[in-house]
Amino acid sequence: MPNHEFYEVDVPIHDTANPDRRGLHVVTGEANSPTTALRRAHEVYDTAHTAELEAPGKQQDSRGARGLRPGWQMDWPAAQAGP
């Protein structure tokens, strides 16, 4: 049985119309490292954003995007990943 590691990626967000409104978008899924978790989280977000989908189907590693907020900007450089 393979060893599955699950990571949480915390991405700070802010409302582009009102930058004082801030939050955190959390993405979870399987990965073998924090770097991979960050990359996959960004890929899933890009897929949803490009296709203008609110919730694309789960990807192979069980990641999916839900609760994306139109008009809110993701701060990917400040994102952090951990088990």
N, C-alpha and C. Protein backbone atom coordinates (compact mmCIF):
# COMPACT_ATOMS: atom_id res chain seq x y z
N MET A 1 0.85 -1.17 0.00
CA MET A 1 0.00 0.00 0.00
C MET A 1 0.90 1.24 0.00
N PRO A 2 0.67 2.18 -0.94
CA PRO A 2 1.52 3.37 -0.99
C PRO A 2 1.31 4.27 0.22
N ASN A 3 2.37 4.99 0.56
CA ASN A 3 2.31 5.94 1.66
C ASN A 3 1.80 7.27 1.12
N HIS A 4 0.59 7.67 1.51
CA HIS A 4 0.00 8.92 1.04
C HIS A 4 0.22 10.01 2.07
N GLU A 5 0.80 11.11 1.62
CA GLU A 5 0.95 12.28 2.48
C GLU A 5 -0.03 13.34 2.01
N PHE A 6 -0.69 13.97 2.94
CA PHE A 6 -1.61 15.05 2.61
C PHE A 6 -1.04 16.35 3.12
N TYR A 7 -1.14 17.37 2.27
CA TYR A 7 -0.62 18.69 2.61
C TYR A 7 -1.75 19.71 2.56
N GLU A 8 -1.60 20.74 3.37
CA GLU A 8 -2.49 21.88 3.37
C GLU A 8 -1.70 23.06 2.82
N VAL A 9 -2.27 23.77 1.87
CA VAL A 9 -1.66 24.97 1.33
C VAL A 9 -2.54 26.15 1.74
N ASP A 10 -1.97 27.09 2.48
CA ASP A 10 -2.68 28.28 2.93
C ASP A 10 -2.26 29.45 2.05
N VAL A 11 -3.23 30.02 1.34
CA VAL A 11 -2.95 31.12 0.41
C VAL A 11 -3.68 32.37 0.89
N PRO A 12 -2.94 33.41 1.29
CA PRO A 12 -3.60 34.66 1.67
C PRO A 12 -4.35 35.24 0.46
N ILE A 13 -5.50 35.85 0.72
CA ILE A 13 -6.31 36.46 -0.34
C ILE A 13 -6.75 37.84 0.12
N HIS A 14 -7.07 38.71 -0.85
CA HIS A 14 -7.65 40.01 -0.51
C HIS A 14 -8.65 40.41 -1.60
N ASP A 15 -9.60 41.22 -1.19
CA ASP A 15 -10.64 41.73 -2.08
C ASP A 15 -10.03 42.86 -2.89
N THR A 16 -10.04 42.75 -4.22
CA THR A 16 -9.43 43.78 -5.05
C THR A 16 -10.18 45.10 -4.99
N ALA A 17 -11.48 45.06 -4.68
CA ALA A 17 -12.27 46.29 -4.57
C ALA A 17 -12.07 46.96 -3.21
N ASN A 18 -11.69 46.17 -2.22
CA ASN A 18 -11.48 46.69 -0.87
C ASN A 18 -10.32 45.93 -0.25
N PRO A 19 -9.07 46.37 -0.50
CA PRO A 19 -7.89 45.61 -0.07
C PRO A 19 -7.79 45.37 1.44
N ASP A 20 -8.55 46.11 2.24
CA ASP A 20 -8.54 45.87 3.68
C ASP A 20 -9.25 44.56 4.04
N ARG A 21 -10.09 44.08 3.15
CA ARG A 21 -10.76 42.80 3.38
C ARG A 21 -9.81 41.69 2.97
N ARG A 22 -9.39 40.89 3.93
CA ARG A 22 -8.41 39.83 3.70
C ARG A 22 -8.95 38.50 4.21
N GLY A 23 -8.37 37.45 3.71
CA GLY A 23 -8.76 36.12 4.16
C GLY A 23 -7.68 35.11 3.83
N LEU A 24 -8.06 33.86 3.88
CA LEU A 24 -7.15 32.77 3.62
C LEU A 24 -7.90 31.70 2.84
N HIS A 25 -7.34 31.28 1.73
CA HIS A 25 -7.92 30.18 0.97
C HIS A 25 -7.08 28.95 1.26
N VAL A 26 -7.72 27.85 1.64
CA VAL A 26 -7.02 26.63 2.02
C VAL A 26 -7.27 25.56 0.96
N VAL A 27 -6.17 24.95 0.49
CA VAL A 27 -6.23 23.88 -0.49
C VAL A 27 -5.56 22.66 0.13
N THR A 28 -6.20 21.50 0.06
CA THR A 28 -5.61 20.29 0.61
C THR A 28 -5.54 19.21 -0.47
N GLY A 29 -4.59 18.29 -0.30
CA GLY A 29 -4.48 17.18 -1.23
C GLY A 29 -3.19 16.42 -1.03
N GLU A 30 -3.04 15.36 -1.79
CA GLU A 30 -1.85 14.52 -1.70
C GLU A 30 -0.67 15.20 -2.39
N ALA A 31 0.50 15.01 -1.81
CA ALA A 31 1.75 15.50 -2.40
C ALA A 31 2.90 14.77 -1.73
N ASN A 32 4.07 14.87 -2.33
CA ASN A 32 5.22 14.24 -1.71
C ASN A 32 6.17 15.25 -1.09
N SER A 33 5.81 16.55 -1.20
CA SER A 33 6.62 17.60 -0.60
C SER A 33 5.82 18.90 -0.56
N PRO A 34 6.24 19.86 0.25
CA PRO A 34 5.57 21.16 0.25
C PRO A 34 5.64 21.85 -1.11
N THR A 35 6.77 21.69 -1.80
CA THR A 35 6.93 22.31 -3.13
C THR A 35 5.90 21.75 -4.11
N THR A 36 5.73 20.44 -4.10
CA THR A 36 4.75 19.81 -4.98
C THR A 36 3.34 20.24 -4.59
N ALA A 37 3.06 20.33 -3.30
CA ALA A 37 1.74 20.75 -2.84
C ALA A 37 1.43 22.16 -3.33
N LEU A 38 2.38 23.08 -3.22
CA LEU A 38 2.18 24.44 -3.71
C LEU A 38 1.94 24.47 -5.22
N ARG A 39 2.75 23.72 -5.95
CA ARG A 39 2.60 23.68 -7.41
C ARG A 39 1.23 23.16 -7.82
N ARG A 40 0.82 22.05 -7.20
CA ARG A 40 -0.48 21.45 -7.55
C ARG A 40 -1.64 22.36 -7.17
N ALA A 41 -1.55 23.01 -6.01
CA ALA A 41 -2.61 23.93 -5.59
C ALA A 41 -2.74 25.06 -6.61
N HIS A 42 -1.62 25.59 -7.05
CA HIS A 42 -1.65 26.67 -8.03
C HIS A 42 -2.22 26.19 -9.36
N GLU A 43 -1.85 24.97 -9.78
CA GLU A 43 -2.38 24.40 -11.02
C GLU A 43 -3.89 24.25 -10.97
N VAL A 44 -4.40 23.75 -9.85
CA VAL A 44 -5.85 23.55 -9.72
C VAL A 44 -6.56 24.91 -9.76
N TYR A 45 -5.99 25.90 -9.06
CA TYR A 45 -6.58 27.24 -9.09
C TYR A 45 -6.57 27.79 -10.52
N ASP A 46 -5.43 27.66 -11.20
CA ASP A 46 -5.34 28.17 -12.57
C ASP A 46 -6.36 27.51 -13.49
N THR A 47 -6.55 26.21 -13.32
CA THR A 47 -7.54 25.49 -14.13
C THR A 47 -8.93 26.05 -13.89
N ALA A 48 -9.27 26.27 -12.64
CA ALA A 48 -10.59 26.81 -12.30
C ALA A 48 -10.75 28.23 -12.81
N HIS A 49 -9.72 29.04 -12.60
CA HIS A 49 -9.78 30.44 -12.98
C HIS A 49 -9.86 30.60 -14.50
N THR A 50 -9.03 29.85 -15.23
CA THR A 50 -9.01 29.94 -16.68
C THR A 50 -10.32 29.49 -17.28
N ALA A 51 -10.88 28.42 -16.74
CA ALA A 51 -12.13 27.88 -17.26
C ALA A 51 -13.35 28.59 -16.66
N GLU A 52 -13.10 29.52 -15.74
CA GLU A 52 -14.16 30.22 -15.02
C GLU A 52 -15.11 29.24 -14.35
N LEU A 53 -14.53 28.20 -13.78
CA LEU A 53 -15.31 27.21 -13.06
C LEU A 53 -15.28 27.52 -11.57
N GLU A 54 -16.41 27.39 -10.91
CA GLU A 54 -16.43 27.58 -9.47
C GLU A 54 -15.81 26.38 -8.78
N ALA A 55 -16.06 25.19 -9.32
CA ALA A 55 -15.57 23.98 -8.66
C ALA A 55 -15.23 22.93 -9.70
N PRO A 56 -14.00 22.96 -10.24
CA PRO A 56 -13.64 21.90 -11.18
C PRO A 56 -13.60 20.56 -10.47
N GLY A 57 -13.79 19.50 -11.21
CA GLY A 57 -13.75 18.17 -10.61
C GLY A 57 -12.42 17.92 -9.94
N LYS A 58 -12.42 17.00 -9.00
CA LYS A 58 -11.18 16.67 -8.31
C LYS A 58 -10.14 16.16 -9.30
N GLN A 59 -8.91 16.56 -9.06
CA GLN A 59 -7.79 16.13 -9.88
C GLN A 59 -7.33 14.75 -9.39
N GLN A 60 -6.36 14.17 -10.07
CA GLN A 60 -5.89 12.83 -9.72
C GLN A 60 -5.39 12.73 -8.29
N ASP A 61 -4.81 13.80 -7.77
CA ASP A 61 -4.27 13.75 -6.41
C ASP A 61 -5.29 14.19 -5.37
N SER A 62 -6.55 14.22 -5.74
CA SER A 62 -7.69 14.55 -4.88
C SER A 62 -7.88 16.03 -4.63
N ARG A 63 -7.10 16.88 -5.28
CA ARG A 63 -7.29 18.32 -5.12
C ARG A 63 -8.44 18.79 -5.98
N GLY A 64 -9.14 19.78 -5.49
CA GLY A 64 -10.19 20.43 -6.24
C GLY A 64 -10.30 21.85 -5.74
N ALA A 65 -10.97 22.70 -6.48
CA ALA A 65 -11.13 24.09 -6.06
C ALA A 65 -12.60 24.33 -5.74
N ARG A 66 -12.85 24.83 -4.57
CA ARG A 66 -14.22 25.15 -4.15
C ARG A 66 -14.18 26.49 -3.43
N GLY A 67 -15.25 27.24 -3.56
CA GLY A 67 -15.37 28.48 -2.81
C GLY A 67 -14.47 29.60 -3.31
N LEU A 68 -14.09 29.56 -4.59
CA LEU A 68 -13.29 30.66 -5.12
C LEU A 68 -14.16 31.91 -5.17
N ARG A 69 -13.58 33.05 -4.83
CA ARG A 69 -14.34 34.29 -4.75
C ARG A 69 -13.99 35.21 -5.90
N PRO A 70 -14.96 35.51 -6.77
CA PRO A 70 -14.69 36.47 -7.84
C PRO A 70 -14.29 37.81 -7.23
N GLY A 71 -13.27 38.44 -7.81
CA GLY A 71 -12.83 39.73 -7.32
C GLY A 71 -11.81 39.66 -6.19
N TRP A 72 -11.46 38.47 -5.77
CA TRP A 72 -10.45 38.30 -4.72
C TRP A 72 -9.16 37.81 -5.37
N GLN A 73 -8.06 38.38 -4.95
CA GLN A 73 -6.74 38.06 -5.50
C GLN A 73 -6.00 37.10 -4.57
N MET A 74 -5.47 36.03 -5.15
CA MET A 74 -4.66 35.07 -4.39
C MET A 74 -3.22 35.60 -4.34
N ASP A 75 -2.60 35.56 -3.17
CA ASP A 75 -1.21 36.00 -2.99
C ASP A 75 -0.31 34.77 -2.97
N TRP A 76 -0.04 34.20 -4.15
CA TRP A 76 0.73 32.97 -4.23
C TRP A 76 2.12 33.05 -3.67
N PRO A 77 2.84 34.18 -3.83
CA PRO A 77 4.19 34.24 -3.24
C PRO A 77 4.19 34.09 -1.72
N ALA A 78 3.08 34.43 -1.06
CA ALA A 78 3.00 34.31 0.40
C ALA A 78 2.40 32.97 0.85
N ALA A 79 2.02 32.10 -0.10
CA ALA A 79 1.42 30.82 0.25
C ALA A 79 2.41 29.93 0.98
N GLN A 80 1.87 29.13 1.91
CA GLN A 80 2.70 28.21 2.69
C GLN A 80 2.04 26.83 2.68
N ALA A 81 2.87 25.81 2.65
CA ALA A 81 2.38 24.43 2.64
C ALA A 81 3.00 23.64 3.77
N GLY A 82 2.20 22.75 4.35
CA GLY A 82 2.68 21.87 5.38
C GLY A 82 1.80 20.64 5.47
N PRO A 83 2.32 19.58 6.10
CA PRO A 83 1.53 18.35 6.22
C PRO A 83 0.29 18.56 7.07
